[in-house]
Amino acid sequence: MAVLVSGAVAMLGLLWLGGRPGPAVIEPPPVGSEGTTVQSEEVVIHVAGAVMAPGVYHLPGGSRIADALSAAGGARPGAALDALNLARPLTDGEQLLVPLAPPPGTAPPASTPAAGGIPSAKRPDGTLDLNRASADDLDELPGIGPILAERIVAHRDEKGGFTSAGQLRDVPGIGEKTFQDLAGLVGV
């Protein structure tokens, strides 16, 4: 009988312990595809330029430029999609300006010599071409002084040019805020 009572007490003890909550499990924060922590569930962006339906769009956090183009109904015929890095992640509050390509068979105005025979750094859409701009041209941009302009030129020369305007973020001294101020003013 003593064996049965001690067995029953042991069984009740196990049932009591099994019903208690275990240690709290803390889930790690969500991680984006590049190993970066997702900072928001949504990004709000302004898509403008050569798209079917320009406007302000709310997209899921981690969306890319290609997603923004889709949300805006796609690019219009003649859009210069090569000027954009379609895989670049979007940041909240940015403006995405989709430029138009020059008509076939015409040289873009940016490649024609300006007064004095020096090629212009202006692109057909009116933005400043980061690969042709001089330090003086860059110095005229908001938030860029002579020292930062020289850093941009040095970075461009070191890397062999920019392939997207987003690469400005790699230049020491250009943070996200400065980049956002420049995003609609520069291109490649």
C-alpha atoms as a PDB file:
ATOM      1  CA  MET A   1       0.000   0.000   0.000  1.00  0.00           C
ATOM      2  CA  ALA A   2       2.843   2.370   0.835  1.00  0.00           C
ATOM      3  CA  VAL A   3       4.229   1.733  -2.655  1.00  0.00           C
ATOM      4  CA  LEU A   4       0.921   2.635  -4.245  1.00  0.00           C
ATOM      5  CA  VAL A   5       0.607   5.863  -2.201  1.00  0.00           C
ATOM      6  CA  SER A   6       4.169   6.957  -2.979  1.00  0.00           C
ATOM      7  CA  GLY A   7       3.614   6.165  -6.669  1.00  0.00           C
ATOM      8  CA  ALA A   8       0.429   8.256  -6.686  1.00  0.00           C
ATOM      9  CA  VAL A   9       2.199  11.155  -4.947  1.00  0.00           C
ATOM     10  CA  ALA A  10       5.049  10.965  -7.462  1.00  0.00           C
ATOM     11  CA  MET A  11       2.560  10.931 -10.334  1.00  0.00           C
ATOM     12  CA  LEU A  12       0.730  13.973  -8.939  1.00  0.00           C
ATOM     13  CA  GLY A  13       4.071  15.777  -8.553  1.00  0.00           C
ATOM     14  CA  LEU A  14       4.944  15.107 -12.186  1.00  0.00           C
ATOM     15  CA  LEU A  15       1.529  16.290 -13.341  1.00  0.00           C
ATOM     16  CA  TRP A  16       1.873  19.433 -11.243  1.00  0.00           C
ATOM     17  CA  LEU A  17       5.352  20.189 -12.666  1.00  0.00           C
ATOM     18  CA  GLY A  18       4.199  19.472 -16.213  1.00  0.00           C
ATOM     19  CA  GLY A  19       1.378  22.006 -15.899  1.00  0.00           C
ATOM     20  CA  ARG A  20       3.686  24.861 -14.905  1.00  0.00           C
ATOM     21  CA  PRO A  21       4.741  27.280 -17.624  1.00  0.00           C
ATOM     22  CA  GLY A  22       8.268  26.786 -18.887  1.00  0.00           C
ATOM     23  CA  PRO A  23      10.877  29.483 -19.280  1.00  0.00           C
ATOM     24  CA  ALA A  24       9.879  32.407 -21.495  1.00  0.00           C
ATOM     25  CA  VAL A  25      11.109  32.084 -25.065  1.00  0.00           C
ATOM     26  CA  ILE A  26      12.224  35.359 -26.575  1.00  0.00           C
ATOM     27  CA  GLU A  27      11.996  35.427 -30.342  1.00  0.00           C
ATOM     28  CA  PRO A  28      14.861  37.163 -32.162  1.00  0.00           C
ATOM     29  CA  PRO A  29      13.922  40.234 -34.210  1.00  0.00           C
ATOM     30  CA  PRO A  30      13.007  39.546 -37.850  1.00  0.00           C
ATOM     31  CA  VAL A  31      15.956  39.584 -40.205  1.00  0.00           C
ATOM     32  CA  GLY A  32      15.910  40.853 -43.787  1.00  0.00           C
ATOM     33  CA  SER A  33      17.368  38.981 -46.745  1.00  0.00           C
ATOM     34  CA  GLU A  34      20.754  40.689 -46.373  1.00  0.00           C
ATOM     35  CA  GLY A  35      21.012  39.974 -42.659  1.00  0.00           C
ATOM     36  CA  THR A  36      19.835  43.437 -41.646  1.00  0.00           C
ATOM     37  CA  THR A  37      17.139  43.856 -39.055  1.00  0.00           C
ATOM     38  CA  VAL A  38      13.795  44.878 -40.502  1.00  0.00           C
ATOM     39  CA  GLN A  39      13.073  48.280 -38.972  1.00  0.00           C
ATOM     40  CA  SER A  40       9.480  48.859 -39.972  1.00  0.00           C
ATOM     41  CA  GLU A  41       6.537  46.913 -41.214  1.00  0.00           C
ATOM     42  CA  GLU A  42       5.830  49.509 -43.898  1.00  0.00           C
ATOM     43  CA  VAL A  43       7.646  52.061 -46.048  1.00  0.00           C
ATOM     44  CA  VAL A  44       5.933  55.086 -47.563  1.00  0.00           C
ATOM     45  CA  ILE A  45       7.538  56.283 -50.777  1.00  0.00           C
ATOM     46  CA  HIS A  46       6.836  58.817 -53.507  1.00  0.00           C
ATOM     47  CA  VAL A  47       7.212  57.359 -56.999  1.00  0.00           C
ATOM     48  CA  ALA A  48       7.580  60.020 -59.699  1.00  0.00           C
ATOM     49  CA  GLY A  49       8.803  60.424 -63.249  1.00  0.00           C
ATOM     50  CA  ALA A  50       8.368  57.878 -66.046  1.00  0.00           C
ATOM     51  CA  VAL A  51       5.807  55.571 -64.378  1.00  0.00           C
ATOM     52  CA  MET A  52       2.201  54.838 -65.292  1.00  0.00           C
ATOM     53  CA  ALA A  53       0.697  56.051 -62.010  1.00  0.00           C
ATOM     54  CA  PRO A  54       2.975  58.415 -60.058  1.00  0.00           C
ATOM     55  CA  GLY A  55       2.046  58.929 -56.435  1.00  0.00           C
ATOM     56  CA  VAL A  56       2.641  58.040 -52.806  1.00  0.00           C
ATOM     57  CA  TYR A  57       2.616  54.319 -52.040  1.00  0.00           C
ATOM     58  CA  HIS A  58       2.600  52.279 -48.823  1.00  0.00           C
ATOM     59  CA  LEU A  59       4.669  49.100 -49.288  1.00  0.00           C
ATOM     60  CA  PRO A  60       5.755  46.339 -46.910  1.00  0.00           C
ATOM     61  CA  GLY A  61       9.073  46.862 -45.116  1.00  0.00           C
ATOM     62  CA  GLY A  62      11.943  45.320 -47.084  1.00  0.00           C
ATOM     63  CA  SER A  63      10.389  46.229 -50.470  1.00  0.00           C
ATOM     64  CA  ARG A  64      12.701  46.995 -53.378  1.00  0.00           C
ATOM     65  CA  ILE A  65      12.688  49.563 -56.178  1.00  0.00           C
ATOM     66  CA  ALA A  66      11.205  46.890 -58.486  1.00  0.00           C
ATOM     67  CA  ASP A  67       8.265  46.559 -56.055  1.00  0.00           C
ATOM     68  CA  ALA A  68       7.710  50.327 -56.106  1.00  0.00           C
ATOM     69  CA  LEU A  69       7.654  50.325 -59.912  1.00  0.00           C
ATOM     70  CA  SER A  70       5.038  47.563 -59.867  1.00  0.00           C
ATOM     71  CA  ALA A  71       2.934  49.480 -57.342  1.00  0.00           C
ATOM     72  CA  ALA A  72       3.046  52.531 -59.632  1.00  0.00           C
ATOM     73  CA  GLY A  73       1.690  50.506 -62.562  1.00  0.00           C
ATOM     74  CA  GLY A  74       5.092  49.854 -64.124  1.00  0.00           C
ATOM     75  CA  ALA A  75       7.459  52.040 -66.087  1.00  0.00           C
ATOM     76  CA  ARG A  76       6.258  54.100 -69.027  1.00  0.00           C
ATOM     77  CA  PRO A  77       7.709  53.320 -72.447  1.00  0.00           C
ATOM     78  CA  GLY A  78      11.028  55.087 -72.747  1.00  0.00           C
ATOM     79  CA  ALA A  79      11.871  54.929 -69.054  1.00  0.00           C
ATOM     80  CA  ALA A  80      15.601  54.632 -68.360  1.00  0.00           C
ATOM     81  CA  LEU A  81      15.425  51.659 -65.988  1.00  0.00           C
ATOM     82  CA  ASP A  82      19.172  51.087 -66.407  1.00  0.00           C
ATOM     83  CA  ALA A  83      19.656  54.263 -64.373  1.00  0.00           C
ATOM     84  CA  LEU A  84      18.089  52.543 -61.347  1.00  0.00           C
ATOM     85  CA  ASN A  85      19.228  49.662 -59.168  1.00  0.00           C
ATOM     86  CA  LEU A  86      15.971  47.683 -59.203  1.00  0.00           C
ATOM     87  CA  ALA A  87      17.196  45.435 -56.374  1.00  0.00           C
ATOM     88  CA  ARG A  88      17.922  48.259 -53.912  1.00  0.00           C
ATOM     89  CA  PRO A  89      15.801  48.191 -50.730  1.00  0.00           C
ATOM     90  CA  LEU A  90      13.534  51.180 -50.218  1.00  0.00           C
ATOM     91  CA  THR A  91      13.730  53.483 -47.229  1.00  0.00           C
ATOM     92  CA  ASP A  92      10.746  55.120 -45.607  1.00  0.00           C
ATOM     93  CA  GLY A  93      10.051  58.619 -46.886  1.00  0.00           C
ATOM     94  CA  GLU A  94      12.179  58.480 -50.019  1.00  0.00           C
ATOM     95  CA  GLN A  95      11.287  59.737 -53.469  1.00  0.00           C
ATOM     96  CA  LEU A  96      11.947  57.404 -56.378  1.00  0.00           C
ATOM     97  CA  LEU A  97      12.407  59.391 -59.580  1.00  0.00           C
ATOM     98  CA  VAL A  98      12.273  57.234 -62.721  1.00  0.00           C
ATOM     99  CA  PRO A  99      14.049  59.093 -65.552  1.00  0.00           C
ATOM    100  CA  LEU A 100      13.203  59.028 -69.251  1.00  0.00           C
ATOM    101  CA  ALA A 101      15.810  57.777 -71.711  1.00  0.00           C
ATOM    102  CA  PRO A 102      16.710  60.092 -74.605  1.00  0.00           C
ATOM    103  CA  PRO A 103      14.965  59.274 -77.893  1.00  0.00           C
ATOM    104  CA  PRO A 104      16.794  56.635 -79.989  1.00  0.00           C
ATOM    105  CA  GLY A 105      19.389  58.056 -82.327  1.00  0.00           C
ATOM    106  CA  THR A 106      19.872  61.239 -80.337  1.00  0.00           C
ATOM    107  CA  ALA A 107      22.695  62.034 -78.022  1.00  0.00           C
ATOM    108  CA  PRO A 108      21.588  62.944 -74.543  1.00  0.00           C
ATOM    109  CA  PRO A 109      21.993  66.641 -73.827  1.00  0.00           C
ATOM    110  CA  ALA A 110      24.313  65.766 -70.940  1.00  0.00           C
ATOM    111  CA  SER A 111      26.934  64.489 -73.386  1.00  0.00           C
ATOM    112  CA  THR A 112      26.983  67.563 -75.584  1.00  0.00           C
ATOM    113  CA  PRO A 113      29.641  70.111 -74.770  1.00  0.00           C
ATOM    114  CA  ALA A 114      28.469  73.081 -72.768  1.00  0.00           C
ATOM    115  CA  ALA A 115      29.797  76.559 -73.314  1.00  0.00           C
ATOM    116  CA  GLY A 116      33.571  76.338 -73.303  1.00  0.00           C
ATOM    117  CA  GLY A 117      33.651  72.783 -74.766  1.00  0.00           C
ATOM    118  CA  ILE A 118      33.327  70.977 -71.406  1.00  0.00           C
ATOM    119  CA  PRO A 119      30.765  68.134 -71.302  1.00  0.00           C
ATOM    120  CA  SER A 120      27.746  69.036 -69.177  1.00  0.00           C
ATOM    121  CA  ALA A 121      27.097  67.072 -66.008  1.00  0.00           C
ATOM    122  CA  LYS A 122      23.308  67.490 -66.391  1.00  0.00           C
ATOM    123  CA  ARG A 123      21.297  64.438 -67.387  1.00  0.00           C
ATOM    124  CA  PRO A 124      18.296  64.575 -69.764  1.00  0.00           C
ATOM    125  CA  ASP A 125      15.920  64.530 -66.788  1.00  0.00           C
ATOM    126  CA  GLY A 126      17.675  67.572 -65.275  1.00  0.00           C
ATOM    127  CA  THR A 127      19.470  65.680 -62.517  1.00  0.00           C
ATOM    128  CA  LEU A 128      23.220  65.889 -61.971  1.00  0.00           C
ATOM    129  CA  ASP A 129      25.220  62.943 -63.364  1.00  0.00           C
ATOM    130  CA  LEU A 130      27.432  61.662 -60.545  1.00  0.00           C
ATOM    131  CA  ASN A 131      29.895  60.182 -63.050  1.00  0.00           C
ATOM    132  CA  ARG A 132      30.455  63.456 -64.910  1.00  0.00           C
ATOM    133  CA  ALA A 133      30.000  66.053 -62.201  1.00  0.00           C
ATOM    134  CA  SER A 134      33.004  68.055 -61.101  1.00  0.00           C
ATOM    135  CA  ALA A 135      33.644  68.869 -57.456  1.00  0.00           C
ATOM    136  CA  ASP A 136      32.318  72.386 -58.209  1.00  0.00           C
ATOM    137  CA  ASP A 137      29.089  70.909 -59.657  1.00  0.00           C
ATOM    138  CA  LEU A 138      28.652  68.686 -56.596  1.00  0.00           C
ATOM    139  CA  ASP A 139      29.384  71.585 -54.234  1.00  0.00           C
ATOM    140  CA  GLU A 140      26.218  73.309 -55.516  1.00  0.00           C
ATOM    141  CA  LEU A 141      24.005  70.491 -54.208  1.00  0.00           C
ATOM    142  CA  PRO A 142      22.217  71.043 -50.878  1.00  0.00           C
ATOM    143  CA  GLY A 143      24.201  69.733 -47.920  1.00  0.00           C
ATOM    144  CA  ILE A 144      27.386  69.214 -49.961  1.00  0.00           C
ATOM    145  CA  GLY A 145      30.334  71.472 -49.315  1.00  0.00           C
ATOM    146  CA  PRO A 146      33.729  71.515 -51.006  1.00  0.00           C
ATOM    147  CA  ILE A 147      35.209  68.800 -48.765  1.00  0.00           C
ATOM    148  CA  LEU A 148      32.312  66.378 -49.258  1.00  0.00           C
ATOM    149  CA  ALA A 149      32.303  67.139 -52.994  1.00  0.00           C
ATOM    150  CA  GLU A 150      35.985  66.137 -53.163  1.00  0.00           C
ATOM    151  CA  ARG A 151      35.201  62.923 -51.246  1.00  0.00           C
ATOM    152  CA  ILE A 152      32.500  62.052 -53.791  1.00  0.00           C
ATOM    153  CA  VAL A 153      34.913  62.598 -56.689  1.00  0.00           C
ATOM    154  CA  ALA A 154      37.646  60.582 -54.928  1.00  0.00           C
ATOM    155  CA  HIS A 155      35.217  57.728 -54.202  1.00  0.00           C
ATOM    156  CA  ARG A 156      34.032  57.759 -57.832  1.00  0.00           C
ATOM    157  CA  ASP A 157      37.610  57.641 -59.111  1.00  0.00           C
ATOM    158  CA  GLU A 158      38.580  54.885 -56.684  1.00  0.00           C
ATOM    159  CA  LYS A 159      35.577  52.671 -57.544  1.00  0.00           C
ATOM    160  CA  GLY A 160      35.551  53.354 -61.289  1.00  0.00           C
ATOM    161  CA  GLY A 161      32.310  55.329 -61.225  1.00  0.00           C
ATOM    162  CA  PHE A 162      28.840  55.005 -59.776  1.00  0.00           C
ATOM    163  CA  THR A 163      26.373  52.446 -61.089  1.00  0.00           C
ATOM    164  CA  SER A 164      23.485  53.853 -59.045  1.00  0.00           C
ATOM    165  CA  ALA A 165      22.801  57.026 -57.097  1.00  0.00           C
ATOM    166  CA  GLY A 166      22.319  54.868 -54.008  1.00  0.00           C
ATOM    167  CA  GLN A 167      26.060  54.241 -53.927  1.00  0.00           C
ATOM    168  CA  LEU A 168      26.451  57.788 -52.593  1.00  0.00           C
ATOM    169  CA  ARG A 169      25.696  56.203 -49.216  1.00  0.00           C
ATOM    170  CA  ASP A 170      29.152  54.559 -49.417  1.00  0.00           C
ATOM    171  CA  VAL A 171      30.909  57.943 -49.427  1.00  0.00           C
ATOM    172  CA  PRO A 172      32.170  58.848 -45.929  1.00  0.00           C
ATOM    173  CA  GLY A 173      30.127  61.744 -44.597  1.00  0.00           C
ATOM    174  CA  ILE A 174      26.936  61.002 -46.527  1.00  0.00           C
ATOM    175  CA  GLY A 175      24.318  59.580 -44.223  1.00  0.00           C
ATOM    176  CA  GLU A 176      20.784  58.513 -45.011  1.00  0.00           C
ATOM    177  CA  LYS A 177      19.349  62.014 -44.407  1.00  0.00           C
ATOM    178  CA  THR A 178      21.823  63.655 -46.794  1.00  0.00           C
ATOM    179  CA  PHE A 179      21.218  60.913 -49.358  1.00  0.00           C
ATOM    180  CA  GLN A 180      17.455  61.432 -49.157  1.00  0.00           C
ATOM    181  CA  ASP A 181      17.951  65.172 -49.717  1.00  0.00           C
ATOM    182  CA  LEU A 182      20.007  64.383 -52.845  1.00  0.00           C
ATOM    183  CA  ALA A 183      18.068  61.383 -54.214  1.00  0.00           C
ATOM    184  CA  GLY A 184      15.883  63.385 -56.609  1.00  0.00           C
ATOM    185  CA  LEU A 185      18.735  65.665 -57.695  1.00  0.00           C
ATOM    186  CA  VAL A 186      21.373  63.164 -58.826  1.00  0.00           C
ATOM    187  CA  GLY A 187      21.634  60.102 -61.058  1.00  0.00           C
ATOM    188  CA  VAL A 188      24.066  58.074 -63.146  1.00  0.00           C
END
